[in-house]
């Protein structure tokens, strides 16, 4: 469990199950195992009156990220020399 200043991180690959009861959506998220079976990792409990705002917020964030990625791809396509390989040292800049 996370402390007050930390947030738990979960690697999620898919939605395992979604159910609704007593005014609460239960969304189980999971990962895929080596044998193609899935394993539940975390369950989100979301009040029904908040589900729309949460889904809209996630969709908006995904659109914003996509827009930034597309802009970056456009910049790199317009200026291929701007692409850098961070693993290659720049001549004259390496410290000895």
N, C-alpha and C. Protein backbone atom coordinates (compact mmCIF):
# COMPACT_ATOMS: atom_id res chain seq x y z
N UNK A 1 0.84 -1.18 0.00
CA UNK A 1 0.00 0.00 0.00
C UNK A 1 0.88 1.23 0.00
N UNK A 2 0.48 2.26 -0.70
CA UNK A 2 1.25 3.49 -0.83
C UNK A 2 1.13 4.34 0.42
N UNK A 3 2.17 5.14 0.62
CA UNK A 3 2.13 6.09 1.73
C UNK A 3 1.37 7.33 1.28
N UNK A 4 1.27 8.31 2.16
CA UNK A 4 0.53 9.54 1.84
C UNK A 4 1.07 10.28 0.62
N UNK A 5 2.38 10.20 0.39
CA UNK A 5 2.99 10.95 -0.71
C UNK A 5 3.23 10.10 -1.95
N UNK A 6 2.84 8.86 -1.94
CA UNK A 6 3.08 7.96 -3.06
C UNK A 6 1.77 7.41 -3.59
N UNK A 7 1.82 6.98 -4.83
CA UNK A 7 0.67 6.36 -5.47
C UNK A 7 1.08 4.96 -5.92
N UNK A 8 0.23 3.98 -5.71
CA UNK A 8 0.52 2.63 -6.18
C UNK A 8 0.51 2.61 -7.69
N UNK A 9 1.40 1.82 -8.28
CA UNK A 9 1.46 1.66 -9.73
C UNK A 9 1.12 0.22 -10.08
N UNK A 10 0.31 0.06 -11.10
CA UNK A 10 -0.08 -1.27 -11.58
C UNK A 10 0.10 -1.31 -13.08
N UNK A 11 0.74 -2.36 -13.58
CA UNK A 11 0.85 -2.56 -15.02
C UNK A 11 -0.39 -3.30 -15.47
N UNK A 12 -1.14 -2.70 -16.39
CA UNK A 12 -2.42 -3.25 -16.82
C UNK A 12 -2.41 -3.44 -18.32
N UNK A 13 -2.89 -4.59 -18.78
CA UNK A 13 -2.94 -4.86 -20.21
C UNK A 13 -4.36 -5.01 -20.75
N UNK A 14 -5.31 -5.26 -19.86
CA UNK A 14 -6.67 -5.46 -20.36
C UNK A 14 -7.70 -5.32 -19.25
N UNK A 15 -8.94 -5.21 -19.69
CA UNK A 15 -10.07 -5.20 -18.76
C UNK A 15 -10.53 -6.64 -18.60
N UNK A 16 -10.52 -7.11 -17.39
CA UNK A 16 -10.93 -8.49 -17.09
C UNK A 16 -12.45 -8.60 -16.98
N UNK A 17 -13.05 -7.65 -16.26
CA UNK A 17 -14.48 -7.74 -15.99
C UNK A 17 -15.01 -6.37 -15.58
N UNK A 18 -16.26 -6.11 -15.93
CA UNK A 18 -16.96 -4.90 -15.48
C UNK A 18 -18.31 -5.34 -14.95
N UNK A 19 -18.64 -4.90 -13.75
CA UNK A 19 -19.95 -5.21 -13.19
C UNK A 19 -20.49 -3.97 -12.48
N UNK A 20 -21.79 -4.01 -12.21
CA UNK A 20 -22.44 -2.89 -11.55
C UNK A 20 -23.42 -3.44 -10.53
N UNK A 21 -23.30 -2.96 -9.30
CA UNK A 21 -24.23 -3.35 -8.23
C UNK A 21 -24.20 -2.29 -7.15
N UNK A 22 -25.36 -2.03 -6.58
CA UNK A 22 -25.49 -1.09 -5.47
C UNK A 22 -24.89 0.28 -5.77
N UNK A 23 -25.06 0.74 -7.02
CA UNK A 23 -24.59 2.07 -7.38
C UNK A 23 -23.10 2.20 -7.59
N UNK A 24 -22.40 1.08 -7.71
CA UNK A 24 -20.94 1.11 -7.87
C UNK A 24 -20.52 0.24 -9.05
N UNK A 25 -19.71 0.83 -9.95
CA UNK A 25 -19.08 0.04 -11.01
C UNK A 25 -17.83 -0.61 -10.45
N UNK A 26 -17.66 -1.87 -10.74
CA UNK A 26 -16.47 -2.62 -10.34
C UNK A 26 -15.76 -3.02 -11.62
N UNK A 27 -14.59 -2.45 -11.84
CA UNK A 27 -13.83 -2.70 -13.06
C UNK A 27 -12.55 -3.43 -12.67
N UNK A 28 -12.45 -4.68 -13.09
CA UNK A 28 -11.28 -5.49 -12.78
C UNK A 28 -10.33 -5.43 -13.97
N UNK A 29 -9.09 -5.02 -13.69
CA UNK A 29 -8.06 -4.88 -14.71
C UNK A 29 -7.00 -5.94 -14.48
N UNK A 30 -6.40 -6.43 -15.56
CA UNK A 30 -5.43 -7.50 -15.39
C UNK A 30 -4.30 -7.49 -16.38
N UNK A 31 -3.47 -8.51 -16.26
CA UNK A 31 -2.33 -8.71 -17.14
C UNK A 31 -2.41 -10.09 -17.76
N UNK A 32 -1.71 -10.23 -18.88
CA UNK A 32 -1.70 -11.52 -19.56
C UNK A 32 -0.46 -12.29 -19.14
N UNK A 33 -0.65 -13.53 -18.75
CA UNK A 33 0.45 -14.38 -18.32
C UNK A 33 1.09 -15.05 -19.54
N UNK A 34 2.21 -15.72 -19.32
CA UNK A 34 2.93 -16.38 -20.41
C UNK A 34 2.10 -17.44 -21.11
N UNK A 35 1.25 -18.13 -20.40
CA UNK A 35 0.47 -19.22 -20.98
C UNK A 35 -0.84 -18.72 -21.59
N UNK A 36 -0.91 -17.42 -21.91
CA UNK A 36 -2.07 -16.78 -22.53
C UNK A 36 -3.27 -16.65 -21.60
N UNK A 37 -3.13 -17.07 -20.36
CA UNK A 37 -4.19 -16.85 -19.38
C UNK A 37 -4.03 -15.45 -18.82
N UNK A 38 -5.09 -14.93 -18.26
CA UNK A 38 -5.02 -13.60 -17.69
C UNK A 38 -5.08 -13.68 -16.17
N UNK A 39 -4.54 -12.64 -15.53
CA UNK A 39 -4.52 -12.58 -14.07
C UNK A 39 -5.01 -11.20 -13.66
N UNK A 40 -6.00 -11.16 -12.79
CA UNK A 40 -6.51 -9.90 -12.28
C UNK A 40 -5.43 -9.22 -11.44
N UNK A 41 -5.26 -7.91 -11.65
CA UNK A 41 -4.23 -7.16 -10.94
C UNK A 41 -4.80 -6.16 -9.95
N UNK A 42 -5.90 -5.51 -10.35
CA UNK A 42 -6.47 -4.45 -9.51
C UNK A 42 -7.95 -4.29 -9.87
N UNK A 43 -8.74 -3.87 -8.90
CA UNK A 43 -10.16 -3.60 -9.15
C UNK A 43 -10.44 -2.16 -8.78
N UNK A 44 -11.04 -1.44 -9.72
CA UNK A 44 -11.46 -0.07 -9.47
C UNK A 44 -12.91 -0.09 -9.03
N UNK A 45 -13.23 0.65 -8.00
CA UNK A 45 -14.61 0.81 -7.53
C UNK A 45 -14.98 2.26 -7.77
N UNK A 46 -15.92 2.48 -8.70
CA UNK A 46 -16.26 3.83 -9.12
C UNK A 46 -17.75 4.06 -8.90
N UNK A 47 -18.11 5.09 -8.12
CA UNK A 47 -19.53 5.40 -7.94
C UNK A 47 -20.18 5.70 -9.29
N UNK A 48 -21.39 5.22 -9.48
CA UNK A 48 -22.09 5.39 -10.76
C UNK A 48 -22.21 6.85 -11.16
N UNK A 49 -22.39 7.74 -10.19
CA UNK A 49 -22.54 9.15 -10.54
C UNK A 49 -21.23 9.80 -10.98
N UNK A 50 -20.11 9.08 -10.90
CA UNK A 50 -18.80 9.61 -11.30
C UNK A 50 -18.25 8.95 -12.57
N UNK A 51 -18.87 7.86 -13.02
CA UNK A 51 -18.30 7.08 -14.12
C UNK A 51 -18.19 7.89 -15.40
N UNK A 52 -19.20 8.69 -15.72
CA UNK A 52 -19.18 9.47 -16.95
C UNK A 52 -18.02 10.48 -16.95
N UNK A 53 -17.85 11.20 -15.87
CA UNK A 53 -16.78 12.19 -15.78
C UNK A 53 -15.41 11.53 -15.86
N UNK A 54 -15.27 10.38 -15.23
CA UNK A 54 -13.99 9.67 -15.26
C UNK A 54 -13.68 9.18 -16.68
N UNK A 55 -14.65 8.59 -17.35
CA UNK A 55 -14.44 8.11 -18.71
C UNK A 55 -14.16 9.26 -19.67
N UNK A 56 -14.89 10.37 -19.52
CA UNK A 56 -14.64 11.53 -20.37
C UNK A 56 -13.25 12.11 -20.11
N UNK A 57 -12.83 12.13 -18.87
CA UNK A 57 -11.50 12.61 -18.52
C UNK A 57 -10.40 11.74 -19.12
N UNK A 58 -10.59 10.44 -19.08
CA UNK A 58 -9.60 9.53 -19.67
C UNK A 58 -9.57 9.68 -21.18
N UNK A 59 -10.74 9.81 -21.82
CA UNK A 59 -10.79 9.99 -23.28
C UNK A 59 -10.11 11.30 -23.67
N UNK A 60 -10.35 12.36 -22.91
CA UNK A 60 -9.74 13.65 -23.19
C UNK A 60 -8.22 13.58 -23.03
N UNK A 61 -7.76 12.93 -21.99
CA UNK A 61 -6.32 12.79 -21.77
C UNK A 61 -5.68 11.99 -22.91
N UNK A 62 -6.35 10.92 -23.35
CA UNK A 62 -5.83 10.11 -24.46
C UNK A 62 -5.75 10.94 -25.73
N UNK A 63 -6.75 11.77 -26.00
CA UNK A 63 -6.72 12.64 -27.19
C UNK A 63 -5.58 13.64 -27.10
N UNK A 64 -5.37 14.22 -25.92
CA UNK A 64 -4.27 15.18 -25.73
C UNK A 64 -2.92 14.52 -25.98
N UNK A 65 -2.74 13.33 -25.45
CA UNK A 65 -1.48 12.61 -25.65
C UNK A 65 -1.30 12.29 -27.12
N UNK A 66 -2.35 11.81 -27.78
CA UNK A 66 -2.27 11.50 -29.21
C UNK A 66 -1.89 12.75 -30.01
N UNK A 67 -2.49 13.87 -29.69
CA UNK A 67 -2.19 15.12 -30.39
C UNK A 67 -0.72 15.48 -30.24
N UNK A 68 -0.18 15.37 -29.03
CA UNK A 68 1.23 15.68 -28.79
C UNK A 68 2.15 14.73 -29.55
N UNK A 69 1.80 13.45 -29.57
CA UNK A 69 2.60 12.47 -30.30
C UNK A 69 2.59 12.78 -31.79
N UNK A 70 1.41 13.09 -32.33
CA UNK A 70 1.30 13.41 -33.76
C UNK A 70 2.09 14.68 -34.10
N UNK A 71 2.05 15.67 -33.21
CA UNK A 71 2.83 16.89 -33.43
C UNK A 71 4.32 16.57 -33.46
N UNK A 72 4.77 15.73 -32.54
CA UNK A 72 6.19 15.35 -32.48
C UNK A 72 6.60 14.59 -33.73
N UNK A 73 5.73 13.68 -34.20
CA UNK A 73 6.02 12.93 -35.41
C UNK A 73 6.13 13.90 -36.59
N UNK A 74 5.23 14.88 -36.66
CA UNK A 74 5.28 15.88 -37.72
C UNK A 74 6.56 16.69 -37.68
N UNK A 75 7.00 17.08 -36.49
CA UNK A 75 8.25 17.83 -36.34
C UNK A 75 9.43 17.01 -36.82
N UNK A 76 9.48 15.75 -36.43
CA UNK A 76 10.59 14.88 -36.83
C UNK A 76 10.58 14.62 -38.33
N UNK A 77 9.39 14.50 -38.92
CA UNK A 77 9.29 14.28 -40.36
C UNK A 77 9.76 15.52 -41.11
N UNK A 78 9.46 16.71 -40.59
CA UNK A 78 9.85 17.95 -41.24
C UNK A 78 11.35 18.23 -41.07
N UNK A 79 11.95 17.72 -40.00
CA UNK A 79 13.36 17.96 -39.72
C UNK A 79 14.01 16.66 -39.26
N UNK A 80 14.34 15.75 -40.19
CA UNK A 80 14.89 14.45 -39.80
C UNK A 80 16.19 14.55 -39.01
N UNK A 81 16.94 15.63 -39.18
CA UNK A 81 18.21 15.79 -38.45
C UNK A 81 17.97 16.05 -36.98
N UNK A 82 16.75 16.38 -36.61
CA UNK A 82 16.42 16.64 -35.21
C UNK A 82 16.36 15.35 -34.39
N UNK A 83 16.30 14.22 -35.08
CA UNK A 83 16.26 12.94 -34.38
C UNK A 83 17.63 12.69 -33.78
N UNK A 84 17.65 12.29 -32.54
CA UNK A 84 18.91 12.04 -31.84
C UNK A 84 18.90 10.64 -31.28
N UNK A 85 20.04 10.04 -31.23
CA UNK A 85 20.22 8.75 -30.59
C UNK A 85 20.85 9.02 -29.23
N UNK A 86 20.07 8.95 -28.15
CA UNK A 86 20.60 9.31 -26.83
C UNK A 86 21.75 8.42 -26.37
N UNK A 87 21.92 7.27 -27.00
CA UNK A 87 23.01 6.36 -26.62
C UNK A 87 24.32 6.70 -27.29
N UNK A 88 24.33 7.63 -28.25
CA UNK A 88 25.54 7.99 -28.97
C UNK A 88 26.06 9.31 -28.45
N UNK A 89 27.31 9.33 -27.93
CA UNK A 89 27.85 10.59 -27.43
C UNK A 89 28.10 11.57 -28.57
N UNK A 90 27.96 12.85 -28.29
CA UNK A 90 28.23 13.89 -29.26
C UNK A 90 29.71 14.21 -29.19
N UNK A 91 30.38 14.24 -30.36
CA UNK A 91 31.82 14.49 -30.41
C UNK A 91 32.14 15.83 -29.77
N UNK A 92 33.21 15.83 -28.99
CA UNK A 92 33.64 17.06 -28.36
C UNK A 92 32.91 17.37 -27.07
N UNK A 93 31.88 16.62 -26.73
CA UNK A 93 31.11 16.89 -25.51
C UNK A 93 31.38 15.87 -24.41
N UNK A 94 32.02 14.77 -24.76
CA UNK A 94 32.26 13.73 -23.76
C UNK A 94 33.31 14.16 -22.76
N UNK A 95 33.10 13.86 -21.51
CA UNK A 95 34.05 14.17 -20.46
C UNK A 95 35.01 13.01 -20.32
N UNK A 96 36.26 13.36 -20.08
CA UNK A 96 37.29 12.31 -19.91
C UNK A 96 37.71 12.22 -18.47
